[in-house]
Protein backbone atom coordinates (compact mmCIF):
# COMPACT_ATOMS: atom_id res chain seq x y z
CA MET A 1 48.55 8.37 25.54
CA ASN A 2 49.40 5.73 23.20
CA GLU A 3 46.38 3.73 21.84
CA GLN A 4 47.17 0.34 20.93
CA ALA A 5 44.96 -2.57 19.77
CA GLN A 6 45.30 -5.73 21.71
CA PRO A 7 45.95 -9.01 19.60
CA ALA A 8 43.05 -11.24 19.26
CA GLN A 9 43.31 -14.86 20.75
CA ASP A 10 43.22 -18.16 18.86
CA PRO A 11 40.99 -18.24 15.75
CA GLY A 12 37.41 -17.33 16.81
CA ALA A 13 38.54 -16.43 20.19
CA SER A 14 36.80 -13.15 19.97
CA GLY A 15 33.87 -11.50 18.32
CA PRO A 16 30.50 -12.61 17.29
CA GLY A 17 29.80 -15.21 14.77
CA PRO A 18 29.30 -19.06 15.25
CA ASP A 19 33.22 -19.39 15.32
CA GLY A 20 33.71 -16.88 17.93
CA ALA A 21 31.68 -15.40 21.01
CA GLY A 22 32.05 -12.72 23.56
CA PHE A 23 31.39 -9.56 21.51
CA THR A 24 28.21 -7.68 21.54
CA TYR A 25 27.31 -4.38 19.65
CA ARG A 26 25.85 -1.63 21.85
CA GLY A 27 22.65 0.44 21.09
CA ALA A 28 20.30 -1.93 19.34
CA GLU A 29 16.88 -1.79 20.45
CA GLN A 30 13.67 -3.59 20.32
CA GLU A 31 10.81 -2.40 18.19
CA LEU A 32 7.10 -2.78 19.13
CA ILE A 33 5.35 -2.72 15.54
CA VAL A 34 1.49 -2.54 15.31
CA VAL A 35 -0.39 -3.39 12.38
CA ALA A 36 -3.82 -1.86 12.17
CA ARG A 37 -6.93 -3.26 10.58
CA PRO A 38 -7.49 -2.31 6.91
CA GLU A 39 -11.43 -1.21 7.75
CA SER A 40 -10.41 0.83 10.76
CA ARG A 41 -8.11 3.33 8.76
CA LEU A 42 -6.30 4.56 11.98
CA ARG A 43 -4.64 8.01 11.82
CA ALA A 44 -1.92 8.92 14.45
CA ARG A 45 -1.90 12.51 15.31
CA ALA A 46 -0.16 14.34 18.30
CA GLU A 47 -3.04 14.58 20.23
CA GLY A 48 -4.24 10.96 19.85
CA VAL A 49 -5.62 8.30 17.36
CA ARG A 50 -8.55 8.68 15.23
CA SER A 51 -10.47 6.42 12.95
CA ALA A 52 -11.22 7.81 9.17
CA ALA A 53 -13.68 5.09 8.98
CA GLY A 54 -15.81 6.27 12.02
CA ALA A 55 -14.39 3.14 14.27
CA ASP A 56 -14.36 3.38 18.07
CA VAL A 57 -10.84 3.98 19.05
CA SER A 58 -11.40 5.48 22.72
CA ALA A 59 -10.00 1.90 24.26
CA LEU A 60 -6.84 2.68 22.07
CA ASN A 61 -6.35 6.08 23.04
CA MET A 62 -6.96 5.23 26.70
CA PHE A 63 -4.56 2.64 26.81
CA LEU A 64 -2.02 5.07 25.13
CA GLY A 65 -2.56 7.61 27.56
CA ASP A 66 -2.69 5.34 30.66
CA GLU A 67 1.01 3.82 29.73
CA GLN A 68 2.24 7.08 28.30
CA LEU A 69 2.81 5.58 24.99
CA SER A 70 2.73 7.04 21.34
CA LEU A 71 1.68 5.51 18.20
CA GLU A 72 3.34 7.01 14.75
CA PRO A 73 2.81 5.86 11.27
CA LEU A 74 5.91 3.71 10.39
CA PHE A 75 6.40 4.99 6.98
CA GLY A 76 4.67 8.37 7.16
CA SER A 77 1.23 9.68 6.51
CA GLU A 78 -1.34 7.72 4.26
CA GLU A 79 -1.75 10.76 1.82
CA ARG A 80 1.92 10.97 1.30
CA LEU A 81 2.38 7.17 0.79
CA GLN A 82 -0.39 7.04 -2.03
CA GLN A 83 1.44 9.70 -3.77
CA ALA A 84 4.54 7.64 -3.77
CA PRO A 85 5.97 6.00 -6.92
CA GLY A 86 5.61 1.87 -6.47
CA ALA A 87 3.15 2.19 -3.53
CA GLU A 88 0.57 0.33 -5.50
CA SER A 89 3.11 -2.70 -5.99
CA ALA A 90 3.95 -3.17 -2.16
CA PRO A 91 1.63 -4.26 0.78
CA ASP A 92 -0.30 -1.41 2.43
CA LEU A 93 2.30 0.73 4.50
CA ALA A 94 -0.32 2.76 5.99
CA LEU A 95 -1.15 -0.30 8.15
CA PHE A 96 2.07 -0.37 9.78
CA TYR A 97 2.55 1.94 13.23
CA ARG A 98 5.52 1.92 15.71
CA VAL A 99 4.92 2.26 19.59
CA ARG A 100 6.95 5.05 21.14
CA GLY A 101 8.03 4.28 24.93
CA GLY A 102 7.88 1.42 27.07
CA GLU A 103 10.79 -0.28 25.40
CA SER A 104 11.86 -2.36 28.64
CA ARG A 105 8.32 -3.63 28.70
CA ALA A 106 7.83 -4.08 24.91
CA GLN A 107 6.43 -7.79 25.19
CA VAL A 108 3.87 -7.11 27.69
CA LEU A 109 2.78 -4.03 25.82
CA ARG A 110 2.55 -6.17 22.59
CA ALA A 111 -0.02 -8.77 23.78
CA ARG A 112 -2.31 -5.99 25.44
CA ILE A 113 -2.27 -3.45 22.28
CA ALA A 114 -2.90 -6.43 19.95
CA ALA A 115 -6.20 -7.06 21.82
CA LEU A 116 -7.66 -3.63 21.32
CA PRO A 117 -10.38 -2.91 18.65
CA GLY A 118 -9.03 -1.65 15.56
CA ILE A 119 -5.47 -3.42 15.82
CA ASP A 120 -5.02 -6.36 13.53
CA THR A 121 -1.78 -7.70 15.55
CA ALA A 122 1.31 -6.54 16.95
CA TYR A 123 5.06 -7.93 16.99
CA VAL A 124 8.16 -7.22 18.95
CA LYS A 125 11.32 -7.19 16.56
CA PRO A 126 14.71 -8.10 18.27
CA GLY A 127 17.47 -5.64 18.01
CA ALA A 128 19.29 -5.35 14.66
CA VAL A 129 22.91 -5.80 14.69
CA PRO A 130 25.90 -5.34 12.05
CA ALA A 131 26.46 -8.97 10.14
CA ALA A 132 29.89 -9.19 10.93
CA VAL A 133 31.87 -12.04 12.70
CA GLY A 134 34.85 -12.79 14.92
CA GLN A 135 38.46 -12.21 12.98
CA VAL A 136 41.30 -14.42 13.30
CA GLY A 137 44.48 -14.61 14.34
CA GLN A 138 45.47 -10.65 14.29
CA ASP A 139 49.12 -9.28 14.66
CA SER A 140 49.03 -5.97 16.18
CA GLY A 141 52.64 -5.33 15.43
CA ARG A 142 51.53 -3.51 12.16
CA LEU A 143 49.94 -0.41 13.91
CA LYS A 144 51.14 2.70 12.78
CA GLU A 145 51.30 5.64 15.26
CA GLY A 146 51.84 9.15 14.03
CA ALA A 147 53.32 8.30 10.57
CA PRO A 148 52.65 11.14 8.06
CA VAL A 149 51.52 9.19 4.93
CA THR A 150 49.26 6.05 4.64
CA PRO A 151 51.14 3.65 2.44
CA ASP A 152 48.86 2.24 -0.43
CA PHE A 153 47.12 -0.86 1.13
CA SER A 154 45.14 -1.62 -2.60
CA GLY A 155 47.45 -4.53 -3.25
CA ARG A 156 45.96 -6.34 -0.24
CA GLN A 157 42.37 -6.04 -1.86
CA GLY A 158 42.35 -9.55 -3.70
CA TYR A 159 38.48 -8.72 -3.99
CA LEU A 160 39.33 -6.25 -6.82
CA ARG A 161 41.41 -8.57 -9.17
CA PRO A 162 40.13 -10.64 -12.07
CA ALA A 163 37.66 -13.37 -11.42
CA PRO A 164 37.75 -15.83 -10.02
CA GLU A 165 39.72 -14.38 -7.33
CA GLY A 166 37.86 -10.93 -7.40
CA VAL A 167 35.28 -9.03 -9.28
CA ASP A 168 37.42 -7.67 -11.69
CA ALA A 169 36.94 -4.11 -10.74
CA HIS A 170 40.58 -3.09 -12.35
CA TRP A 171 38.87 -4.19 -15.70
CA ALA A 172 35.85 -2.33 -14.97
CA TRP A 173 37.87 0.97 -14.11
CA GLN A 174 39.00 1.21 -17.85
CA ARG A 175 35.57 1.16 -19.23
CA PRO A 176 33.35 4.20 -19.43
CA GLY A 177 31.17 4.45 -16.34
CA GLY A 178 32.77 1.07 -14.73
CA SER A 179 33.90 2.99 -11.48
CA GLY A 180 30.25 3.83 -10.77
CA GLN A 181 29.34 7.05 -12.31
CA GLY A 182 25.97 8.36 -11.84
CA VAL A 183 24.91 5.92 -9.24
CA THR A 184 24.39 6.61 -5.58
CA VAL A 185 24.27 3.91 -2.62
CA ILE A 186 22.84 4.47 0.70
CA ASP A 187 24.21 2.15 3.52
CA VAL A 188 21.39 1.51 6.21
CA GLU A 189 23.02 0.67 9.54
CA GLY A 190 24.21 2.29 12.65
CA GLY A 191 27.25 4.38 12.75
CA TRP A 192 30.32 5.58 10.66
CA GLN A 193 33.40 7.86 10.84
CA LEU A 194 32.50 10.45 8.28
CA GLY A 195 35.73 12.00 8.24
CA HIS A 196 37.87 9.16 7.19
CA GLU A 197 40.72 10.56 5.32
CA ASP A 198 39.97 7.70 2.46
CA LEU A 199 36.27 8.62 2.24
CA ALA A 200 36.56 12.37 1.32
CA ALA A 201 35.55 12.35 -2.50
CA LYS A 202 32.34 11.02 -3.00
CA LEU A 203 30.67 10.28 0.63
CA ALA A 204 27.60 12.41 0.87
CA GLY A 205 26.97 12.05 4.72
CA VAL A 206 24.15 11.00 6.74
CA VAL A 207 20.67 11.55 4.77
CA VAL A 208 18.46 9.73 7.24
CA GLY A 209 18.51 9.03 11.05
CA THR A 210 20.83 9.89 14.00
CA PRO A 211 24.24 7.71 13.92
CA LEU A 212 25.16 5.54 17.14
CA THR A 213 28.30 6.65 18.76
CA ASP A 214 29.38 3.43 19.55
CA LEU A 215 32.99 2.98 18.28
CA ALA A 216 32.26 -0.85 17.07
CA TRP A 217 29.32 0.75 14.97
CA ARG A 218 31.34 3.44 13.62
CA ASN A 219 34.28 1.06 12.74
CA HIS A 220 31.65 -1.42 10.96
CA GLY A 221 30.26 1.25 8.82
CA THR A 222 33.29 2.93 7.86
CA ALA A 223 34.57 -0.64 6.77
CA VAL A 224 31.43 -0.96 4.40
CA ILE A 225 31.79 2.25 2.77
CA GLY A 226 35.51 1.78 2.06
CA VAL A 227 34.70 -1.65 0.20
CA ILE A 228 32.44 0.45 -2.18
CA GLY A 229 33.61 3.91 -2.35
CA GLY A 230 37.39 4.25 -0.86
CA ASP A 231 38.85 6.95 -2.58
CA ARG A 232 41.31 6.50 -5.73
CA GLY A 233 44.66 7.56 -4.99
CA GLU A 234 48.26 6.31 -3.95
CA ARG A 235 47.25 5.76 -0.35
CA GLY A 236 44.80 3.62 1.70
CA VAL A 237 42.39 1.42 -0.17
CA THR A 238 40.36 2.07 -3.53
CA GLY A 239 36.59 1.29 -3.45
CA ILE A 240 35.24 -1.25 -6.22
CA ALA A 241 33.31 1.55 -7.19
CA PRO A 242 35.21 4.61 -6.26
CA ASP A 243 33.24 7.34 -8.32
CA ALA A 244 29.55 6.06 -6.98
CA VAL A 245 28.19 8.83 -4.31
CA THR A 246 27.88 6.82 -0.93
CA ALA A 247 25.65 8.03 2.02
CA ALA A 248 24.43 6.69 5.18
CA ALA A 249 20.94 6.07 6.57
CA SER A 250 21.06 5.10 10.60
CA PHE A 251 17.87 3.20 11.79
CA GLN A 252 18.52 4.99 15.43
CA GLY A 253 15.10 6.73 16.15
CA LEU A 254 13.51 5.44 13.38
CA GLY A 255 13.56 1.57 13.12
CA THR A 256 14.84 -0.67 10.56
CA ALA A 257 11.77 -0.60 7.96
CA ALA A 258 11.27 3.43 8.26
CA ALA A 259 14.88 3.82 7.58
CA ILE A 260 15.01 1.52 4.34
CA HIS A 261 11.67 3.37 3.31
CA ALA A 262 13.47 6.86 3.87
CA ALA A 263 16.32 5.57 2.08
CA ALA A 264 14.68 4.72 -0.67
CA ASP A 265 12.64 7.81 -0.92
CA ARG A 266 16.11 9.69 -1.74
CA LEU A 267 17.00 7.49 -4.80
CA ALA A 268 16.38 7.08 -8.18
CA PRO A 269 15.93 3.90 -10.26
CA GLY A 270 19.10 1.79 -10.53
CA ASP A 271 20.50 3.24 -7.51
CA ILE A 272 21.10 1.13 -4.45
CA VAL A 273 20.34 0.52 -0.85
CA LEU A 274 22.50 -1.61 1.30
CA ILE A 275 21.22 -3.51 4.51
CA GLU A 276 24.05 -3.96 6.95
CA LEU A 277 21.96 -5.55 9.23
CA HIS A 278 20.63 -8.91 10.46
CA ARG A 279 18.52 -9.99 14.06
CA PRO A 280 18.08 -13.08 15.79
CA GLY A 281 15.30 -15.39 14.28
CA PRO A 282 13.00 -18.00 15.16
CA ARG A 283 15.46 -20.80 15.60
CA PHE A 284 16.36 -19.93 19.31
CA ASP A 285 13.28 -18.05 19.84
CA PHE A 286 14.48 -14.66 18.65
CA ALA A 287 16.99 -14.41 21.62
CA GLU A 288 20.05 -12.47 21.28
CA ARG A 289 23.28 -14.44 21.17
CA ASP A 290 26.92 -13.46 21.17
CA ASP A 291 27.89 -16.15 18.53
CA GLN A 292 24.95 -15.13 16.29
CA ARG A 293 23.62 -18.43 15.66
CA GLY A 294 20.30 -18.31 14.06
CA TYR A 295 20.40 -14.90 13.09
CA ILE A 296 18.60 -14.02 9.77
CA ALA A 297 18.07 -11.29 7.13
CA LEU A 298 15.73 -8.66 8.04
CA GLU A 299 13.07 -9.21 5.36
CA TRP A 300 11.59 -12.04 7.45
CA TRP A 301 9.82 -9.24 9.52
CA PRO A 302 6.41 -8.13 7.84
CA ASP A 303 7.38 -4.20 7.89
CA ASP A 304 10.85 -4.69 6.80
CA TYR A 305 9.60 -6.98 4.01
CA ALA A 306 7.29 -4.17 3.24
CA ALA A 307 9.90 -1.34 3.10
CA VAL A 308 12.03 -3.44 0.58
CA ARG A 309 9.33 -4.15 -1.43
CA TYR A 310 8.54 -0.54 -1.74
CA ALA A 311 12.19 0.36 -2.65
CA THR A 312 12.33 -2.58 -5.57
CA ALA A 313 9.05 -1.47 -6.70
CA LYS A 314 10.60 2.07 -7.57
CA GLY A 315 13.19 0.35 -9.41
CA ILE A 316 16.02 0.80 -6.68
CA LEU A 317 18.31 -2.26 -6.14
CA VAL A 318 18.15 -3.55 -2.42
CA VAL A 319 21.09 -5.57 -1.44
CA ALA A 320 20.91 -7.33 2.01
CA ALA A 321 23.14 -9.52 4.15
CA ALA A 322 21.49 -12.73 4.30
CA GLY A 323 22.86 -13.26 7.96
CA ASN A 324 25.73 -15.06 9.77
CA GLY A 325 23.43 -17.63 11.69
CA ALA A 326 24.67 -20.56 9.84
CA GLU A 327 21.31 -21.45 8.97
CA SER A 328 19.35 -22.95 6.07
CA LEU A 329 16.83 -20.31 4.96
CA ASP A 330 15.00 -23.53 3.23
CA ASP A 331 14.18 -24.84 6.80
CA ALA A 332 10.81 -25.27 7.85
CA VAL A 333 11.04 -23.21 10.72
CA TYR A 334 10.72 -20.09 8.55
CA GLU A 335 7.64 -21.10 7.06
CA ARG A 336 5.92 -21.09 10.46
CA ARG A 337 3.94 -17.87 11.04
CA PRO A 338 4.43 -16.34 14.27
CA ASP A 339 1.12 -15.78 16.15
CA GLU A 340 1.95 -12.20 15.97
CA PHE A 341 2.61 -11.74 12.63
CA PRO A 342 -0.52 -10.72 10.22
CA GLU A 343 -2.20 -13.56 8.49
CA TRP A 344 -1.14 -12.22 5.20
CA TRP A 345 2.33 -12.87 5.95
CA ARG A 346 4.16 -15.53 3.95
CA ASN A 347 8.09 -16.71 4.35
CA PRO A 348 9.77 -14.44 2.07
CA PHE A 349 12.79 -16.85 1.84
CA ASN A 350 10.66 -19.45 -0.02
CA PRO A 351 10.89 -18.83 -3.45
CA SER A 352 7.46 -19.89 -4.20
CA ASN A 353 6.04 -16.86 -2.24
CA GLU A 354 6.44 -13.47 -3.60
CA SER A 355 9.67 -12.07 -3.21
CA SER A 356 11.04 -8.84 -1.66
CA GLY A 357 13.01 -8.31 -4.88
CA ALA A 358 16.11 -7.69 -2.74
CA VAL A 359 19.37 -9.42 -3.45
CA LEU A 360 20.64 -11.76 -0.45
CA VAL A 361 24.15 -12.08 -0.10
CA GLY A 362 26.00 -15.16 1.60
CA ALA A 363 29.65 -15.05 2.65
CA GLY A 364 32.40 -17.22 0.66
CA ALA A 365 36.01 -17.86 1.58
CA PRO A 366 38.66 -15.82 0.00
CA PRO A 367 41.31 -17.78 -1.76
CA PRO A 368 43.65 -19.78 0.41
CA GLY A 369 46.67 -18.11 1.12
CA THR A 370 45.20 -14.50 1.43
CA HIS A 371 47.02 -12.57 4.03
CA GLY A 372 48.74 -15.75 5.11
CA ARG A 373 45.46 -17.50 6.17
CA ASP A 374 43.12 -20.39 4.87
CA HIS A 375 39.73 -20.45 5.29
CA GLY A 376 38.67 -23.16 2.87
CA PRO A 377 38.49 -23.63 -0.58
CA ASP A 378 37.99 -20.42 -2.54
CA ARG A 379 34.37 -19.27 -2.87
CA SER A 380 33.09 -22.18 -0.61
CA ARG A 381 30.44 -21.34 2.00
CA LEU A 382 32.13 -20.12 5.10
CA ALA A 383 30.51 -21.89 8.02
CA PHE A 384 28.83 -18.95 9.86
CA SER A 385 27.10 -17.87 6.59
CA ASN A 386 23.42 -18.61 5.89
CA TYR A 387 22.46 -20.25 2.96
CA GLY A 388 19.54 -21.66 0.62
CA SER A 389 17.48 -21.26 -2.47
CA ARG A 390 16.81 -17.34 -1.52
CA VAL A 391 20.22 -16.50 -1.52
CA ASP A 392 21.46 -14.73 -4.74
CA ALA A 393 25.22 -14.15 -4.53
CA GLN A 394 28.30 -14.30 -2.43
CA GLY A 395 31.30 -11.95 -1.61
CA TRP A 396 34.43 -12.11 0.33
CA GLY A 397 33.31 -12.99 3.96
CA ARG A 398 36.96 -13.18 5.39
CA GLU A 399 40.17 -10.95 4.92
CA VAL A 400 38.65 -8.15 3.30
CA THR A 401 41.24 -4.78 3.45
CA THR A 402 39.17 -1.69 3.85
CA THR A 403 38.88 1.40 5.86
CA GLY A 404 38.05 1.62 9.58
CA GLY A 405 39.20 -0.29 12.86
CA PHE A 406 38.96 -3.71 14.24
CA TRP A 407 35.91 -4.16 16.05
CA ASP A 408 35.89 -1.60 18.91
CA ARG A 409 39.59 -0.83 18.64
CA PRO A 410 42.15 0.74 16.24
CA GLY A 411 42.87 -0.90 12.92
CA ASP A 412 44.59 -4.10 12.85
CA LEU A 413 46.19 -3.24 9.30
CA GLN A 414 46.98 0.54 10.32
CA GLY A 415 46.00 1.95 13.83
CA GLY A 416 47.37 4.88 15.77
CA PRO A 417 45.87 7.80 17.56
CA GLU A 418 43.74 9.28 14.70
CA GLU A 419 40.48 7.14 13.57
CA ILE A 420 40.43 8.82 10.70
CA ALA A 421 43.53 6.96 9.34
CA TRP A 422 42.44 3.55 10.63
CA TYR A 423 42.46 0.54 8.12
CA THR A 424 41.80 -3.10 8.57
CA ASP A 425 42.65 -6.23 7.00
CA THR A 426 39.92 -8.72 8.36
CA PHE A 427 36.39 -7.04 7.68
CA SER A 428 34.28 -10.16 7.88
CA GLY A 429 30.71 -11.57 7.42
CA THR A 430 27.82 -11.26 5.34
CA SER A 431 28.78 -7.81 6.23
CA SER A 432 31.80 -7.75 4.16
CA ALA A 433 30.34 -9.99 1.57
CA SER A 434 27.44 -7.67 0.99
CA PRO A 435 29.33 -4.46 -0.11
CA VAL A 436 31.66 -6.54 -2.46
CA VAL A 437 28.47 -7.61 -4.58
CA VAL A 438 27.15 -3.76 -4.10
CA GLY A 439 30.51 -2.58 -5.50
CA ALA A 440 29.98 -4.90 -8.67
CA LEU A 441 26.43 -3.79 -9.11
CA ALA A 442 27.20 0.00 -8.90
CA ALA A 443 30.11 -0.61 -11.74
CA LEU A 444 27.67 -2.29 -14.06
CA GLN A 445 25.03 0.44 -13.31
CA GLY A 446 27.60 3.04 -13.99
CA MET A 447 28.46 1.29 -17.28
CA LEU A 448 24.81 0.83 -18.54
CA LYS A 449 24.11 4.65 -17.70
CA THR A 450 27.13 5.74 -19.40
CA ALA A 451 26.22 3.81 -22.40
CA GLY A 452 22.75 5.21 -22.40
CA GLN A 453 20.78 2.44 -21.41
CA GLN A 454 18.35 1.63 -18.70
CA PRO A 455 19.95 0.59 -15.49
CA MET A 456 19.27 -2.93 -14.32
CA SER A 457 15.92 -3.53 -12.52
CA PRO A 458 15.88 -5.54 -9.30
CA GLN A 459 14.90 -8.62 -11.05
CA LEU A 460 17.62 -8.30 -13.62
CA ALA A 461 20.16 -7.44 -11.15
CA ARG A 462 19.35 -10.72 -9.62
CA THR A 463 19.23 -12.97 -12.71
CA VAL A 464 22.57 -11.47 -13.79
CA LEU A 465 24.35 -12.45 -10.55
CA ARG A 466 22.65 -15.86 -10.85
CA SER A 467 23.73 -16.55 -14.50
CA THR A 468 27.22 -14.90 -14.37
CA GLY A 469 30.05 -14.99 -12.03
CA SER A 470 32.63 -17.35 -10.54
CA PRO A 471 30.66 -20.45 -9.32
CA GLN A 472 30.67 -21.69 -5.70
CA GLN A 473 32.82 -24.49 -4.51
CA ASP A 474 32.52 -27.42 -2.36
CA ALA A 475 34.31 -27.48 1.07
CA PRO A 476 34.40 -30.61 3.42
CA GLY A 477 30.77 -30.71 5.27
CA ARG A 478 29.76 -27.37 3.36
CA PRO A 479 28.96 -28.52 -0.13
CA ALA A 480 28.18 -26.16 -2.96
CA SER A 481 24.42 -27.54 -2.77
CA GLN A 482 24.27 -25.23 0.51
CA ARG A 483 23.82 -22.47 -1.82
CA ILE A 484 25.25 -19.04 -1.28
CA GLY A 485 25.56 -18.34 -5.08
CA ASN A 486 28.58 -17.19 -7.13
CA ARG A 487 30.99 -14.41 -6.71
CA PRO A 488 30.34 -11.41 -9.08
CA ASP A 489 32.36 -11.25 -12.31
CA ILE A 490 31.87 -7.82 -13.71
CA ARG A 491 33.63 -8.42 -17.29
CA ALA A 492 31.38 -11.52 -17.47
CA ALA A 493 28.32 -9.56 -16.74
CA VAL A 494 29.23 -7.11 -19.37
CA ALA A 495 28.56 -9.54 -22.18
CA HIS A 496 25.13 -10.34 -20.68
CA LEU A 497 24.21 -6.89 -20.05
CA LEU A 498 25.88 -4.74 -22.98
CA PRO A 499 26.22 -7.20 -26.02
CA HIS A 500 26.54 -4.14 -28.28
CA ALA A 501 29.36 -2.71 -26.56
CA VAL A 502 31.68 -6.07 -27.24
CA GLY A 503 32.40 -7.91 -30.30
CA SER A 504 31.10 -11.77 -30.62
CA GLY A 505 31.94 -14.52 -32.95
CA ARG A 506 32.76 -18.21 -33.14
CA ALA A 507 36.17 -18.99 -32.63
CA GLU A 508 38.34 -20.43 -35.52
CA ARG A 509 41.54 -21.96 -33.75
CA TYR A 510 42.89 -21.68 -30.14
CA TRP A 511 46.35 -21.36 -28.61
CA ASP A 512 46.86 -22.34 -24.80
CA GLU A 513 49.51 -20.36 -23.77
CA LEU A 514 50.78 -22.31 -20.66
CA LEU A 515 54.14 -21.00 -20.27
CA PRO A 516 53.61 -17.07 -20.91
CA TYR A 517 56.18 -15.04 -22.05
CA PRO A 518 57.61 -13.07 -20.45
CA ARG A 519 56.96 -14.91 -17.26
CA GLU A 520 55.49 -11.80 -15.71
CA LEU A 521 52.27 -12.29 -17.68
CA PRO A 522 49.47 -14.57 -16.78
CA PRO A 523 48.93 -17.66 -18.62
CA ARG A 524 46.17 -17.21 -21.29
CA LEU A 525 44.18 -19.16 -23.33
CA ARG A 526 43.82 -17.67 -26.83
CA LEU A 527 41.04 -17.80 -29.29
CA PHE A 528 41.18 -16.76 -32.96
CA VAL A 529 37.89 -14.68 -33.23
CA ALA A 530 36.52 -12.20 -35.73
CA GLY A 531 39.81 -11.88 -37.51
CA GLY A 532 42.18 -11.40 -34.52
CA TRP A 533 43.41 -13.14 -31.35
CA ARG A 534 41.39 -12.57 -28.36
CA ASN A 535 42.94 -13.35 -24.63
CA LEU A 536 41.53 -15.07 -21.55
CA ASN A 537 43.77 -14.57 -18.63
CA HIS A 538 44.31 -17.21 -15.94
CA PRO A 539 41.56 -19.75 -17.37
CA SER A 540 40.48 -22.33 -15.32
CA PRO A 541 41.11 -25.97 -15.63
CA GLU A 542 37.52 -26.54 -16.45
CA ILE A 543 37.55 -24.05 -19.33
CA ARG A 544 40.97 -25.24 -20.89
CA GLN A 545 39.65 -28.77 -20.92
CA ALA A 546 36.22 -27.75 -22.50
CA VAL A 547 37.86 -25.62 -25.31
CA HIS A 548 40.67 -28.41 -25.81
CA THR A 549 37.72 -31.07 -26.18
CA ALA A 550 35.76 -29.02 -28.48
CA PHE A 551 38.62 -28.45 -31.12
CA ALA A 552 39.73 -32.09 -30.47
CA GLY A 553 36.47 -33.07 -31.82
CA GLY A 554 36.78 -31.51 -35.23
CA ARG A 555 33.61 -29.42 -34.81
CA PRO A 556 34.07 -26.89 -32.18
CA ASP A 557 31.09 -24.65 -31.27
CA VAL A 558 32.99 -21.96 -29.22
CA ARG A 559 31.24 -18.78 -28.86
CA VAL A 560 33.18 -15.59 -27.76
CA TRP A 561 32.51 -12.29 -26.62
CA PHE A 562 35.33 -9.84 -26.21
CA SER A 563 36.18 -6.30 -25.50
CA ASP A 564 39.53 -5.08 -27.27
CA ASP A 565 41.45 -8.35 -27.00
CA GLU A 566 40.02 -9.41 -24.05
CA ILE A 567 37.48 -12.17 -23.76
CA VAL A 568 34.35 -11.14 -21.58
CA GLY A 569 32.59 -14.22 -22.27
CA LEU A 570 33.02 -17.80 -23.54
CA VAL A 571 30.39 -20.60 -23.90
CA VAL A 572 31.32 -23.72 -25.47
CA THR A 573 28.50 -26.10 -26.47
CA GLY A 574 28.16 -29.64 -28.06
């Protein structure tokens, strides 16, 4: 039987996100989290709970028995946690437990268990879902059914191109390690199509949890992996870091915090955990909504924050979707501690409080005209994206071409009867933005490792993303002061991270090539540095003006970093 995707209606007419409604990911569960008192030193075993400090836990055991519940350590045994690297830098993970059973009565059980001796508090976490939003204006006429060879779609992947349009993956691939060699990325979410034809080379499979079987979850996870690690070749797409090893970690059966913690335990310093989930926040009283309004990054919840802190303390980069809730994360609503949270909790979105160390990613508009559509000025905040001082960087939040299908249907770019050959042109949200940032970081880590340097620490990664890259732009009603950060620029970041790997010097003269010859070449700004002409392709009007003004003043102070004859960094002072 032929399998056809149905064309979408008007922009935003289907799918979740503030500009669309009506689609719900199935399978996400609430989590009932218990925080024990430190002095109780609880130990949960199959036969019941005991206290290493001799506290009376009979009431707790009676309650669990009567309600047919079990209490299990969220992050593993205390002995194992004490031996883990970085444990001393994170909140005390041994205090967190998850209640098994009674999911439909989670709120009622929460209040009762929180009042028992030995328990500090308990809280219910809404189900986490992918941070993807509704697509716009699809054309189902491009579905391919039964064709023997998938065409090359890489020309549609604008995010691979030089900055400011993309992250300049093409340039990175020409440098040692720049395709992500020696780096492992674990994607934390729900499901994947692990047999996809374009994910065969470096996909290590599921390392944690049991994947959800729902098609929408599979399509989402497949799209994420494709952005990062799509195979090299002449068919389909190519990932930003195609030589990085990618793996999957499902939160099903574990919970989000335990999945993050378990993923971190399988990685080495410099590797990357990607969190592709968000959940309903306090704006609408933690209510699930098809439009995802008020959804926020996971780290706001105490156990997720503790898991991320554990990972970053180990030197692992954690990249997380900031969420599609159209929220300012600087809003006072996030400062108010819910009564159910432990008293030590502080708002992690507030830069004055201790950070989780994760890179939070917002969603920016792609260049107008991408795939024939216009979402506003390039690199401007998309309306659904969360924003604020805590957000570190942005990626493409619309029009991302990658592996996988269209929501719970075949691919809108290529469909047909075989799921392993589906492709989409319209992956979106902070879900699509985050793997773009991950791909850039994996390329940089690969170059550092190949050069014999230490990989970036979580703090250095955030610093590099904030200090380099293509700046956020204004849009009507969405000024750049609503921070989602810069779009990564791998080439510019290299000058920051590997100054010994590039030449440098002061420019002596310049030539602005406004009409390149032959015409197929890009417009270039040429600067004479260290005895040779160096090229900057597609210079922005602002850079052109700054260089022209510096030389016109008679005392140019233009510092240039270059690799071969290509400029990778430029600073104009004075």
